[in-house]
Amino acid sequence: MIVLKRIYEPASKEDGKRILVDRIWPRGISKDKAQLDLWMKEIAPSVVLRKEFNHKPERFEEFKEHYIKELTEDEEKKAAIEELLRMIGEEKVTLLFGAKDEVHNQAVVLKEVLEREAEK
């Protein structure tokens, strides 16, 4: 099971494995407060793609297309996907992100990709 959650929300026992999927550490969150099991910087969108998107909802569909391409073509990201799929097979995983927009962000795209891959 995969759940999405803003890192600014309190940690919970129900979160399972807590994994931050942002390249940049979220402002105002201490490592203690984050209660992470893992920080997967490598699965985040490239710096160029992140800057092009700039959290603008009108750019989300284009961002999504490019990010999915990165996830399926970049060797480091493909390895991270495999690791996440293994974890998801073992326990609940909460993908943590810092974006204010809970609908238009990379974690939403990543969850969709992981769920599609898990069904194969």
PDB file of N, CA and C in Angstrom:
ATOM      1  N   MET A   1       0.843  -1.188   0.000  1.00  0.00           N
ATOM      2  CA  MET A   1       0.000   0.000   0.000  1.00  0.00           C
ATOM      3  C   MET A   1       0.885   1.246   0.000  1.00  0.00           C
ATOM      4  N   ILE A   2       0.486   2.214  -0.817  1.00  0.00           N
ATOM      5  CA  ILE A   2       1.232   3.468  -0.946  1.00  0.00           C
ATOM      6  C   ILE A   2       0.330   4.621  -0.534  1.00  0.00           C
ATOM      7  N   VAL A   3       0.853   5.456   0.341  1.00  0.00           N
ATOM      8  CA  VAL A   3       0.114   6.625   0.809  1.00  0.00           C
ATOM      9  C   VAL A   3       0.975   7.859   0.561  1.00  0.00           C
ATOM     10  N   LEU A   4       0.328   8.967   0.250  1.00  0.00           N
ATOM     11  CA  LEU A   4       1.030  10.248   0.099  1.00  0.00           C
ATOM     12  C   LEU A   4       0.738  11.118   1.309  1.00  0.00           C
ATOM     13  N   LYS A   5       1.748  11.884   1.718  1.00  0.00           N
ATOM     14  CA  LYS A   5       1.567  12.741   2.887  1.00  0.00           C
ATOM     15  C   LYS A   5       2.571  13.892   2.820  1.00  0.00           C
ATOM     16  N   ARG A   6       2.111  15.079   3.166  1.00  0.00           N
ATOM     17  CA  ARG A   6       3.047  16.200   3.278  1.00  0.00           C
ATOM     18  C   ARG A   6       3.941  15.964   4.486  1.00  0.00           C
ATOM     19  N   ILE A   7       5.186  16.277   4.357  1.00  0.00           N
ATOM     20  CA  ILE A   7       6.125  16.054   5.448  1.00  0.00           C
ATOM     21  C   ILE A   7       5.807  16.942   6.647  1.00  0.00           C
ATOM     22  N   TYR A   8       5.032  17.998   6.419  1.00  0.00           N
ATOM     23  CA  TYR A   8       4.678  18.926   7.496  1.00  0.00           C
ATOM     24  C   TYR A   8       3.556  18.374   8.382  1.00  0.00           C
ATOM     25  N   GLU A   9       2.909  17.295   7.948  1.00  0.00           N
ATOM     26  CA  GLU A   9       1.906  16.645   8.782  1.00  0.00           C
ATOM     27  C   GLU A   9       2.629  15.766   9.801  1.00  0.00           C
ATOM     28  N   PRO A  10       2.057  15.629  11.002  1.00  0.00           N
ATOM     29  CA  PRO A  10       2.725  14.823  12.027  1.00  0.00           C
ATOM     30  C   PRO A  10       2.916  13.366  11.597  1.00  0.00           C
ATOM     31  N   ALA A  11       4.024  12.795  12.016  1.00  0.00           N
ATOM     32  CA  ALA A  11       4.283  11.374  11.760  1.00  0.00           C
ATOM     33  C   ALA A  11       3.289  10.547  12.571  1.00  0.00           C
ATOM     34  N   SER A  12       2.994   9.373  12.048  1.00  0.00           N
ATOM     35  CA  SER A  12       2.031   8.489  12.694  1.00  0.00           C
ATOM     36  C   SER A  12       2.525   7.051  12.602  1.00  0.00           C
ATOM     37  N   LYS A  13       2.144   6.225  13.556  1.00  0.00           N
ATOM     38  CA  LYS A  13       2.501   4.808  13.513  1.00  0.00           C
ATOM     39  C   LYS A  13       1.891   4.139  12.284  1.00  0.00           C
ATOM     40  N   GLU A  14       0.764   4.676  11.806  1.00  0.00           N
ATOM     41  CA  GLU A  14       0.069   4.109  10.653  1.00  0.00           C
ATOM     42  C   GLU A  14       0.782   4.418   9.330  1.00  0.00           C
ATOM     43  N   ASP A  15       1.801   5.260   9.363  1.00  0.00           N
ATOM     44  CA  ASP A  15       2.510   5.630   8.134  1.00  0.00           C
ATOM     45  C   ASP A  15       3.295   4.464   7.526  1.00  0.00           C
ATOM     46  N   GLY A  16       3.670   3.512   8.330  1.00  0.00           N
ATOM     47  CA  GLY A  16       4.547   2.456   7.828  1.00  0.00           C
ATOM     48  C   GLY A  16       5.928   3.037   7.586  1.00  0.00           C
ATOM     49  N   LYS A  17       6.555   2.629   6.482  1.00  0.00           N
ATOM     50  CA  LYS A  17       7.886   3.149   6.138  1.00  0.00           C
ATOM     51  C   LYS A  17       7.728   4.545   5.554  1.00  0.00           C
ATOM     52  N   ARG A  18       8.400   5.528   6.163  1.00  0.00           N
ATOM     53  CA  ARG A  18       8.310   6.934   5.749  1.00  0.00           C
ATOM     54  C   ARG A  18       9.499   7.277   4.859  1.00  0.00           C
ATOM     55  N   ILE A  19       9.188   7.667   3.606  1.00  0.00           N
ATOM     56  CA  ILE A  19      10.235   7.937   2.625  1.00  0.00           C
ATOM     57  C   ILE A  19      10.034   9.317   2.015  1.00  0.00           C
ATOM     58  N   LEU A  20      11.015  10.178   2.185  1.00  0.00           N
ATOM     59  CA  LEU A  20      10.995  11.507   1.576  1.00  0.00           C
ATOM     60  C   LEU A  20      11.444  11.371   0.122  1.00  0.00           C
ATOM     61  N   VAL A  21      10.632  11.895  -0.813  1.00  0.00           N
ATOM     62  CA  VAL A  21      10.936  11.760  -2.239  1.00  0.00           C
ATOM     63  C   VAL A  21      11.248  13.113  -2.889  1.00  0.00           C
ATOM     64  N   ASP A  22      11.678  14.078  -2.101  1.00  0.00           N
ATOM     65  CA  ASP A  22      12.099  15.393  -2.597  1.00  0.00           C
ATOM     66  C   ASP A  22      13.621  15.425  -2.698  1.00  0.00           C
ATOM     67  N   ARG A  23      14.124  16.168  -3.666  1.00  0.00           N
ATOM     68  CA  ARG A  23      15.575  16.325  -3.814  1.00  0.00           C
ATOM     69  C   ARG A  23      16.132  17.296  -2.765  1.00  0.00           C
ATOM     70  N   ILE A  24      15.319  18.277  -2.394  1.00  0.00           N
ATOM     71  CA  ILE A  24      15.748  19.311  -1.454  1.00  0.00           C
ATOM     72  C   ILE A  24      15.068  19.082  -0.107  1.00  0.00           C
ATOM     73  N   TRP A  25      15.839  19.206   0.968  1.00  0.00           N
ATOM     74  CA  TRP A  25      15.272  19.031   2.312  1.00  0.00           C
ATOM     75  C   TRP A  25      14.218  20.114   2.569  1.00  0.00           C
ATOM     76  N   PRO A  26      13.050  19.740   3.091  1.00  0.00           N
ATOM     77  CA  PRO A  26      11.970  20.709   3.330  1.00  0.00           C
ATOM     78  C   PRO A  26      12.320  21.723   4.421  1.00  0.00           C
ATOM     79  N   ARG A  27      11.994  22.976   4.149  1.00  0.00           N
ATOM     80  CA  ARG A  27      12.272  24.056   5.102  1.00  0.00           C
ATOM     81  C   ARG A  27      11.526  23.836   6.409  1.00  0.00           C
ATOM     82  N   GLY A  28      12.222  24.139   7.500  1.00  0.00           N
ATOM     83  CA  GLY A  28      11.582  24.154   8.807  1.00  0.00           C
ATOM     84  C   GLY A  28      11.332  22.791   9.420  1.00  0.00           C
ATOM     85  N   ILE A  29      11.833  21.728   8.813  1.00  0.00           N
ATOM     86  CA  ILE A  29      11.629  20.378   9.353  1.00  0.00           C
ATOM     87  C   ILE A  29      12.979  19.836   9.820  1.00  0.00           C
ATOM     88  N   SER A  30      13.029  19.475  11.090  1.00  0.00           N
ATOM     89  CA  SER A  30      14.257  18.874  11.606  1.00  0.00           C
ATOM     90  C   SER A  30      14.264  17.389  11.246  1.00  0.00           C
ATOM     91  N   LYS A  31      15.434  16.794  11.252  1.00  0.00           N
ATOM     92  CA  LYS A  31      15.532  15.356  10.960  1.00  0.00           C
ATOM     93  C   LYS A  31      14.766  14.546  12.005  1.00  0.00           C
ATOM     94  N   ASP A  32      14.776  15.005  13.251  1.00  0.00           N
ATOM     95  CA  ASP A  32      14.028  14.306  14.305  1.00  0.00           C
ATOM     96  C   ASP A  32      12.527  14.355  14.035  1.00  0.00           C
ATOM     97  N   LYS A  33      12.037  15.534  13.694  1.00  0.00           N
ATOM     98  CA  LYS A  33      10.604  15.704  13.450  1.00  0.00           C
ATOM     99  C   LYS A  33      10.152  14.922  12.214  1.00  0.00           C
ATOM    100  N   ALA A  34      11.006  14.819  11.223  1.00  0.00           N
ATOM    101  CA  ALA A  34      10.654  14.119   9.983  1.00  0.00           C
ATOM    102  C   ALA A  34      10.421  12.626  10.213  1.00  0.00           C
ATOM    103  N   GLN A  35      11.159  12.051  11.138  1.00  0.00           N
ATOM    104  CA  GLN A  35      11.054  10.620  11.450  1.00  0.00           C
ATOM    105  C   GLN A  35      11.093   9.759  10.187  1.00  0.00           C
ATOM    106  N   LEU A  36      12.097  10.003   9.362  1.00  0.00           N
ATOM    107  CA  LEU A  36      12.231   9.285   8.099  1.00  0.00           C
ATOM    108  C   LEU A  36      12.857   7.920   8.286  1.00  0.00           C
ATOM    109  N   ASP A  37      12.452   7.013   7.419  1.00  0.00           N
ATOM    110  CA  ASP A  37      13.151   5.745   7.295  1.00  0.00           C
ATOM    111  C   ASP A  37      14.176   5.841   6.172  1.00  0.00           C
ATOM    112  N   LEU A  38      13.862   6.712   5.193  1.00  0.00           N
ATOM    113  CA  LEU A  38      14.726   6.827   4.033  1.00  0.00           C
ATOM    114  C   LEU A  38      14.473   8.156   3.320  1.00  0.00           C
ATOM    115  N   TRP A  39      15.542   8.738   2.782  1.00  0.00           N
ATOM    116  CA  TRP A  39      15.425   9.932   1.951  1.00  0.00           C
ATOM    117  C   TRP A  39      15.927   9.540   0.567  1.00  0.00           C
ATOM    118  N   MET A  40      15.021   9.437  -0.392  1.00  0.00           N
ATOM    119  CA  MET A  40      15.371   9.007  -1.751  1.00  0.00           C
ATOM    120  C   MET A  40      15.473  10.216  -2.667  1.00  0.00           C
ATOM    121  N   LYS A  41      16.538  10.975  -2.512  1.00  0.00           N
ATOM    122  CA  LYS A  41      16.763  12.155  -3.362  1.00  0.00           C
ATOM    123  C   LYS A  41      16.824  11.769  -4.838  1.00  0.00           C
ATOM    124  N   GLU A  42      17.408  10.604  -5.091  1.00  0.00           N
ATOM    125  CA  GLU A  42      17.647  10.185  -6.470  1.00  0.00           C
ATOM    126  C   GLU A  42      16.369   9.943  -7.279  1.00  0.00           C
ATOM    127  N   ILE A  43      15.244   9.748  -6.606  1.00  0.00           N
ATOM    128  CA  ILE A  43      13.993   9.485  -7.333  1.00  0.00           C
ATOM    129  C   ILE A  43      13.249  10.776  -7.678  1.00  0.00           C
ATOM    130  N   ALA A  44      13.694  11.868  -7.111  1.00  0.00           N
ATOM    131  CA  ALA A  44      13.056  13.162  -7.378  1.00  0.00           C
ATOM    132  C   ALA A  44      13.314  13.598  -8.817  1.00  0.00           C
ATOM    133  N   PRO A  45      12.476  14.470  -9.349  1.00  0.00           N
ATOM    134  CA  PRO A  45      12.717  14.986 -10.705  1.00  0.00           C
ATOM    135  C   PRO A  45      14.075  15.687 -10.791  1.00  0.00           C
ATOM    136  N   SER A  46      14.633  15.696 -11.986  1.00  0.00           N
ATOM    137  CA  SER A  46      15.899  16.397 -12.196  1.00  0.00           C
ATOM    138  C   SER A  46      15.725  17.871 -11.837  1.00  0.00           C
ATOM    139  N   VAL A  47      16.834  18.521 -11.549  1.00  0.00           N
ATOM    140  CA  VAL A  47      16.804  19.940 -11.200  1.00  0.00           C
ATOM    141  C   VAL A  47      16.186  20.760 -12.334  1.00  0.00           C
ATOM    142  N   VAL A  48      16.560  20.453 -13.567  1.00  0.00           N
ATOM    143  CA  VAL A  48      16.028  21.184 -14.724  1.00  0.00           C
ATOM    144  C   VAL A  48      14.510  21.019 -14.795  1.00  0.00           C
ATOM    145  N   LEU A  49      14.021  19.797 -14.658  1.00  0.00           N
ATOM    146  CA  LEU A  49      12.585  19.544 -14.737  1.00  0.00           C
ATOM    147  C   LEU A  49      11.835  20.219 -13.590  1.00  0.00           C
ATOM    148  N   ARG A  50      12.407  20.137 -12.400  1.00  0.00           N
ATOM    149  CA  ARG A  50      11.772  20.778 -11.235  1.00  0.00           C
ATOM    150  C   ARG A  50      11.648  22.286 -11.440  1.00  0.00           C
ATOM    151  N   LYS A  51      12.700  22.903 -11.956  1.00  0.00           N
ATOM    152  CA  LYS A  51      12.677  24.356 -12.173  1.00  0.00           C
ATOM    153  C   LYS A  51      11.716  24.743 -13.290  1.00  0.00           C
ATOM    154  N   GLU A  52      11.632  23.927 -14.337  1.00  0.00           N
ATOM    155  CA  GLU A  52      10.698  24.210 -15.426  1.00  0.00           C
ATOM    156  C   GLU A  52       9.254  24.143 -14.928  1.00  0.00           C
ATOM    157  N   PHE A  53       8.952  23.141 -14.112  1.00  0.00           N
ATOM    158  CA  PHE A  53       7.600  22.970 -13.570  1.00  0.00           C
ATOM    159  C   PHE A  53       7.269  24.094 -12.601  1.00  0.00           C
ATOM    160  N   ASN A  54       8.172  24.352 -11.661  1.00  0.00           N
ATOM    161  CA  ASN A  54       8.038  25.438 -10.679  1.00  0.00           C
ATOM    162  C   ASN A  54       6.682  25.429  -9.954  1.00  0.00           C
ATOM    163  N   HIS A  55       6.129  24.244  -9.746  1.00  0.00           N
ATOM    164  CA  HIS A  55       4.856  24.052  -9.016  1.00  0.00           C
ATOM    165  C   HIS A  55       3.701  24.851  -9.607  1.00  0.00           C
ATOM    166  N   LYS A  56       3.695  25.009 -10.921  1.00  0.00           N
ATOM    167  CA  LYS A  56       2.601  25.712 -11.606  1.00  0.00           C
ATOM    168  C   LYS A  56       1.632  24.667 -12.151  1.00  0.00           C
ATOM    169  N   PRO A  57       0.400  24.633 -11.624  1.00  0.00           N
ATOM    170  CA  PRO A  57      -0.566  23.606 -12.047  1.00  0.00           C
ATOM    171  C   PRO A  57      -0.776  23.530 -13.559  1.00  0.00           C
ATOM    172  N   GLU A  58      -0.699  24.661 -14.237  1.00  0.00           N
ATOM    173  CA  GLU A  58      -0.903  24.645 -15.694  1.00  0.00           C
ATOM    174  C   GLU A  58       0.225  23.928 -16.433  1.00  0.00           C
ATOM    175  N   ARG A  59       1.341  23.683 -15.760  1.00  0.00           N
ATOM    176  CA  ARG A  59       2.465  22.966 -16.362  1.00  0.00           C
ATOM    177  C   ARG A  59       2.515  21.502 -15.915  1.00  0.00           C
ATOM    178  N   PHE A  60       1.538  21.086 -15.115  1.00  0.00           N
ATOM    179  CA  PHE A  60       1.614  19.761 -14.502  1.00  0.00           C
ATOM    180  C   PHE A  60       1.598  18.623 -15.519  1.00  0.00           C
ATOM    181  N   GLU A  61       0.729  18.676 -16.498  1.00  0.00           N
ATOM    182  CA  GLU A  61       0.636  17.567 -17.460  1.00  0.00           C
ATOM    183  C   GLU A  61       1.945  17.378 -18.223  1.00  0.00           C
ATOM    184  N   GLU A  62       2.552  18.483 -18.632  1.00  0.00           N
ATOM    185  CA  GLU A  62       3.843  18.397 -19.318  1.00  0.00           C
ATOM    186  C   GLU A  62       4.921  17.880 -18.367  1.00  0.00           C
ATOM    187  N   PHE A  63       4.913  18.390 -17.127  1.00  0.00           N
ATOM    188  CA  PHE A  63       5.853  17.929 -16.108  1.00  0.00           C
ATOM    189  C   PHE A  63       5.703  16.423 -15.900  1.00  0.00           C
ATOM    190  N   LYS A  64       4.458  15.979 -15.759  1.00  0.00           N
ATOM    191  CA  LYS A  64       4.173  14.561 -15.509  1.00  0.00           C
ATOM    192  C   LYS A  64       4.757  13.693 -16.621  1.00  0.00           C
ATOM    193  N   GLU A  65       4.533  14.095 -17.858  1.00  0.00           N
ATOM    194  CA  GLU A  65       5.046  13.345 -19.009  1.00  0.00           C
ATOM    195  C   GLU A  65       6.573  13.232 -18.954  1.00  0.00           C
ATOM    196  N   HIS A  66       7.244  14.345 -18.686  1.00  0.00           N
ATOM    197  CA  HIS A  66       8.709  14.350 -18.630  1.00  0.00           C
ATOM    198  C   HIS A  66       9.239  13.574 -17.425  1.00  0.00           C
ATOM    199  N   TYR A  67       8.551  13.684 -16.295  1.00  0.00           N
ATOM    200  CA  TYR A  67       9.000  12.970 -15.093  1.00  0.00           C
ATOM    201  C   TYR A  67       8.846  11.460 -15.271  1.00  0.00           C
ATOM    202  N   ILE A  68       7.751  11.028 -15.871  1.00  0.00           N
ATOM    203  CA  ILE A  68       7.572   9.592 -16.126  1.00  0.00           C
ATOM    204  C   ILE A  68       8.686   9.094 -17.042  1.00  0.00           C
ATOM    205  N   LYS A  69       9.052   9.902 -18.023  1.00  0.00           N
ATOM    206  CA  LYS A  69      10.158   9.535 -18.913  1.00  0.00           C
ATOM    207  C   LYS A  69      11.452   9.378 -18.109  1.00  0.00           C
ATOM    208  N   GLU A  70      11.723  10.321 -17.196  1.00  0.00           N
ATOM    209  CA  GLU A  70      12.914  10.202 -16.340  1.00  0.00           C
ATOM    210  C   GLU A  70      12.860   8.920 -15.508  1.00  0.00           C
ATOM    211  N   LEU A  71      11.701   8.640 -14.935  1.00  0.00           N
ATOM    212  CA  LEU A  71      11.570   7.462 -14.068  1.00  0.00           C
ATOM    213  C   LEU A  71      11.776   6.157 -14.830  1.00  0.00           C
ATOM    214  N   THR A  72      11.450   6.142 -16.099  1.00  0.00           N
ATOM    215  CA  THR A  72      11.559   4.906 -16.871  1.00  0.00           C
ATOM    216  C   THR A  72      12.859   4.785 -17.653  1.00  0.00           C
ATOM    217  N   GLU A  73      13.595   5.897 -17.797  1.00  0.00           N
ATOM    218  CA  GLU A  73      14.822   5.853 -18.602  1.00  0.00           C
ATOM    219  C   GLU A  73      16.104   6.040 -17.804  1.00  0.00           C
ATOM    220  N   ASP A  74      16.054   6.768 -16.714  1.00  0.00           N
ATOM    221  CA  ASP A  74      17.247   7.026 -15.903  1.00  0.00           C
ATOM    222  C   ASP A  74      17.555   5.797 -15.044  1.00  0.00           C
ATOM    223  N   GLU A  75      18.777   5.277 -15.164  1.00  0.00           N
ATOM    224  CA  GLU A  75      19.145   4.036 -14.454  1.00  0.00           C
ATOM    225  C   GLU A  75      19.026   4.160 -12.933  1.00  0.00           C
ATOM    226  N   GLU A  76      19.467   5.290 -12.398  1.00  0.00           N
ATOM    227  CA  GLU A  76      19.395   5.488 -10.943  1.00  0.00           C
ATOM    228  C   GLU A  76      17.938   5.529 -10.472  1.00  0.00           C
ATOM    229  N   LYS A  77      17.092   6.191 -11.221  1.00  0.00           N
ATOM    230  CA  LYS A  77      15.664   6.264 -10.864  1.00  0.00           C
ATOM    231  C   LYS A  77      14.994   4.896 -11.025  1.00  0.00           C
ATOM    232  N   LYS A  78      15.371   4.158 -12.062  1.00  0.00           N
ATOM    233  CA  LYS A  78      14.809   2.817 -12.259  1.00  0.00           C
ATOM    234  C   LYS A  78      15.173   1.906 -11.085  1.00  0.00           C
ATOM    235  N   ALA A  79      16.404   2.013 -10.602  1.00  0.00           N
ATOM    236  CA  ALA A  79      16.830   1.211  -9.451  1.00  0.00           C
ATOM    237  C   ALA A  79      16.044   1.610  -8.199  1.00  0.00           C
ATOM    238  N   ALA A  80      15.801   2.907  -8.039  1.00  0.00           N
ATOM    239  CA  ALA A  80      15.024   3.382  -6.885  1.00  0.00           C
ATOM    240  C   ALA A  80      13.576   2.890  -6.967  1.00  0.00           C
ATOM    241  N   ILE A  81      13.015   2.857  -8.164  1.00  0.00           N
ATOM    242  CA  ILE A  81      11.656   2.328  -8.360  1.00  0.00           C
ATOM    243  C   ILE A  81      11.612   0.861  -7.917  1.00  0.00           C
ATOM    244  N   GLU A  82      12.601   0.092  -8.332  1.00  0.00           N
ATOM    245  CA  GLU A  82      12.660  -1.330  -7.951  1.00  0.00           C
ATOM    246  C   GLU A  82      12.743  -1.481  -6.436  1.00  0.00           C
ATOM    247  N   GLU A  83      13.554  -0.642  -5.807  1.00  0.00           N
ATOM    248  CA  GLU A  83      13.676  -0.696  -4.340  1.00  0.00           C
ATOM    249  C   GLU A  83      12.345  -0.357  -3.679  1.00  0.00           C
ATOM    250  N   LEU A  84      11.675   0.673  -4.180  1.00  0.00           N
ATOM    251  CA  LEU A  84      10.367   1.047  -3.620  1.00  0.00           C
ATOM    252  C   LEU A  84       9.341  -0.059  -3.827  1.00  0.00           C
ATOM    253  N   LEU A  85       9.330  -0.677  -4.984  1.00  0.00           N
ATOM    254  CA  LEU A  85       8.391  -1.770  -5.251  1.00  0.00           C
ATOM    255  C   LEU A  85       8.617  -2.932  -4.285  1.00  0.00           C
ATOM    256  N   ARG A  86       9.878  -3.213  -3.998  1.00  0.00           N
ATOM    257  CA  ARG A  86      10.196  -4.274  -3.028  1.00  0.00           C
ATOM    258  C   ARG A  86       9.628  -3.914  -1.647  1.00  0.00           C
ATOM    259  N   MET A  87       9.842  -2.669  -1.230  1.00  0.00           N
ATOM    260  CA  MET A  87       9.345  -2.224   0.080  1.00  0.00           C
ATOM    261  C   MET A  87       7.819  -2.283   0.136  1.00  0.00           C
ATOM    262  N   ILE A  88       7.179  -1.833  -0.939  1.00  0.00           N
ATOM    263  CA  ILE A  88       5.716  -1.805  -0.988  1.00  0.00           C
ATOM    264  C   ILE A  88       5.160  -3.220  -0.880  1.00  0.00           C
ATOM    265  N   GLY A  89       5.885  -4.182  -1.434  1.00  0.00           N
ATOM    266  CA  GLY A  89       5.473  -5.579  -1.334  1.00  0.00           C
ATOM    267  C   GLY A  89       5.558  -6.119   0.075  1.00  0.00           C
ATOM    268  N   GLU A  90       6.353  -5.485   0.923  1.00  0.00           N
ATOM    269  CA  GLU A  90       6.567  -5.960   2.288  1.00  0.00           C
ATOM    270  C   GLU A  90       5.739  -5.231   3.334  1.00  0.00           C
ATOM    271  N   GLU A  91       5.461  -3.943   3.103  1.00  0.00           N
ATOM    272  CA  GLU A  91       4.751  -3.157   4.116  1.00  0.00           C
ATOM    273  C   GLU A  91       4.175  -1.885   3.505  1.00  0.00           C
ATOM    274  N   LYS A  92       3.378  -1.193   4.305  1.00  0.00           N
ATOM    275  CA  LYS A  92       2.827   0.096   3.888  1.00  0.00           C
ATOM    276  C   LYS A  92       3.965   1.104   3.756  1.00  0.00           C
ATOM    277  N   VAL A  93       3.910   1.912   2.687  1.00  0.00           N
ATOM    278  CA  VAL A  93       4.918   2.935   2.440  1.00  0.00           C
ATOM    279  C   VAL A  93       4.220   4.287   2.301  1.00  0.00           C
ATOM    280  N   THR A  94       4.736   5.275   3.023  1.00  0.00           N
ATOM    281  CA  THR A  94       4.232   6.642   2.904  1.00  0.00           C
ATOM    282  C   THR A  94       5.290   7.475   2.202  1.00  0.00           C
ATOM    283  N   LEU A  95       4.913   7.988   1.027  1.00  0.00           N
ATOM    284  CA  LEU A  95       5.795   8.870   0.277  1.00  0.00           C
ATOM    285  C   LEU A  95       5.575  10.292   0.780  1.00  0.00           C
ATOM    286  N   LEU A  96       6.626  10.897   1.286  1.00  0.00           N
ATOM    287  CA  LEU A  96       6.545  12.238   1.859  1.00  0.00           C
ATOM    288  C   LEU A  96       7.076  13.276   0.876  1.00  0.00           C
ATOM    289  N   PHE A  97       6.392  14.409   0.841  1.00  0.00           N
ATOM    290  CA  PHE A  97       6.783  15.502  -0.050  1.00  0.00           C
ATOM    291  C   PHE A  97       6.546  16.822   0.667  1.00  0.00           C
ATOM    292  N   GLY A  98       7.212  17.867   0.205  1.00  0.00           N
ATOM    293  CA  GLY A  98       7.101  19.172   0.847  1.00  0.00           C
ATOM    294  C   GLY A  98       6.150  20.140   0.162  1.00  0.00           C
ATOM    295  N   ALA A  99       5.766  19.870  -1.070  1.00  0.00           N
ATOM    296  CA  ALA A  99       4.938  20.804  -1.847  1.00  0.00           C
ATOM    297  C   ALA A  99       3.625  21.132  -1.142  1.00  0.00           C
ATOM    298  N   LYS A 100       3.211  22.395  -1.265  1.00  0.00           N
ATOM    299  CA  LYS A 100       1.919  22.816  -0.696  1.00  0.00           C
ATOM    300  C   LYS A 100       0.764  22.236  -1.482  1.00  0.00           C
ATOM    301  N   ASP A 101       0.925  22.154  -2.796  1.00  0.00           N
ATOM    302  CA  ASP A 101      -0.113  21.628  -3.682  1.00  0.00           C
ATOM    303  C   ASP A 101      -0.087  20.100  -3.594  1.00  0.00           C
ATOM    304  N   GLU A 102      -1.132  19.537  -3.022  1.00  0.00           N
ATOM    305  CA  GLU A 102      -1.177  18.092  -2.804  1.00  0.00           C
ATOM    306  C   GLU A 102      -1.652  17.321  -4.030  1.00  0.00           C
ATOM    307  N   VAL A 103      -2.025  18.032  -5.088  1.00  0.00           N
ATOM    308  CA  VAL A 103      -2.537  17.391  -6.300  1.00  0.00           C
ATOM    309  C   VAL A 103      -1.518  17.437  -7.430  1.00  0.00           C
ATOM    310  N   HIS A 104      -0.771  18.527  -7.495  1.00  0.00           N
ATOM    311  CA  HIS A 104       0.178  18.736  -8.587  1.00  0.00           C
ATOM    312  C   HIS A 104       1.611  18.705  -8.047  1.00  0.00           C
ATOM    313  N   ASN A 105       2.141  17.518  -7.845  1.00  0.00           N
ATOM    314  CA  ASN A 105       3.519  17.386  -7.370  1.00  0.00           C
ATOM    315  C   ASN A 105       4.093  16.040  -7.815  1.00  0.00           C
ATOM    316  N   GLN A 106       5.396  15.880  -7.651  1.00  0.00           N
ATOM    317  CA  GLN A 106       6.058  14.674  -8.144  1.00  0.00           C
ATOM    318  C   GLN A 106       5.637  13.421  -7.390  1.00  0.00           C
ATOM    319  N   ALA A 107       5.268  13.527  -6.139  1.00  0.00           N
ATOM    320  CA  ALA A 107       4.868  12.352  -5.372  1.00  0.00           C
ATOM    321  C   ALA A 107       3.596  11.725  -5.953  1.00  0.00           C
ATOM    322  N   VAL A 108       2.699  12.555  -6.456  1.00  0.00           N
ATOM    323  CA  VAL A 108       1.467  12.064  -7.086  1.00  0.00           C
ATOM    324  C   VAL A 108       1.823  11.227  -8.317  1.00  0.00           C
ATOM    325  N   VAL A 109       2.735  11.736  -9.122  1.00  0.00           N
ATOM    326  CA  VAL A 109       3.170  11.029 -10.333  1.00  0.00           C
ATOM    327  C   VAL A 109       3.889   9.740  -9.945  1.00  0.00           C
ATOM    328  N   LEU A 110       4.780   9.822  -8.980  1.00  0.00           N
ATOM    329  CA  LEU A 110       5.538   8.656  -8.535  1.00  0.00           C
ATOM    330  C   LEU A 110       4.604   7.558  -8.023  1.00  0.00           C
ATOM    331  N   LYS A 111       3.617   7.931  -7.241  1.00  0.00           N
ATOM    332  CA  LYS A 111       2.654   6.951  -6.718  1.00  0.00           C
ATOM    333  C   LYS A 111       1.931   6.258  -7.866  1.00  0.00           C
ATOM    334  N   GLU A 112       1.514   7.031  -8.844  1.00  0.00           N
ATOM    335  CA  GLU A 112       0.820   6.474 -10.008  1.00  0.00           C
ATOM    336  C   GLU A 112       1.709   5.464 -10.741  1.00  0.00           C
ATOM    337  N   VAL A 113       2.972   5.820 -10.941  1.00  0.00           N
ATOM    338  CA  VAL A 113       3.919   4.932 -11.621  1.00  0.00           C
ATOM    339  C   VAL A 113       4.129   3.659 -10.796  1.00  0.00           C
ATOM    340  N   LEU A 114       4.315   3.802  -9.491  1.00  0.00           N
ATOM    341  CA  LEU A 114       4.537   2.647  -8.626  1.00  0.00           C
ATOM    342  C   LEU A 114       3.328   1.717  -8.620  1.00  0.00           C
ATOM    343  N   GLU A 115       2.140   2.283  -8.547  1.00  0.00           N
ATOM    344  CA  GLU A 115       0.939   1.447  -8.544  1.00  0.00           C
ATOM    345  C   GLU A 115       0.779   0.700  -9.862  1.00  0.00           C
ATOM    346  N   ARG A 116       1.084   1.369 -10.958  1.00  0.00           N
ATOM    347  CA  ARG A 116       1.012   0.717 -12.271  1.00  0.00           C
ATOM    348  C   ARG A 116       2.028  -0.413 -12.372  1.00  0.00           C
ATOM    349  N   GLU A 117       3.256  -0.158 -11.889  1.00  0.00           N
ATOM    350  CA  GLU A 117       4.304  -1.189 -11.932  1.00  0.00           C
ATOM    351  C   GLU A 117       3.980  -2.358 -11.001  1.00  0.00           C
ATOM    352  N   ALA A 118       3.382  -2.083  -9.858  1.00  0.00           N
ATOM    353  CA  ALA A 118       3.055  -3.138  -8.887  1.00  0.00           C
ATOM    354  C   ALA A 118       1.991  -4.079  -9.431  1.00  0.00           C
ATOM    355  N   GLU A 119       1.150  -3.572 -10.342  1.00  0.00           N
ATOM    356  CA  GLU A 119       0.084  -4.394 -10.922  1.00  0.00           C
ATOM    357  C   GLU A 119       0.606  -5.374 -11.968  1.00  0.00           C
ATOM    358  N   LYS A 120       1.785  -5.124 -12.505  1.00  0.00           N
ATOM    359  CA  LYS A 120       2.344  -5.981 -13.572  1.00  0.00           C
ATOM    360  C   LYS A 120       2.700  -7.356 -13.054  1.00  0.00           C
TER     361      LYS A 120
END
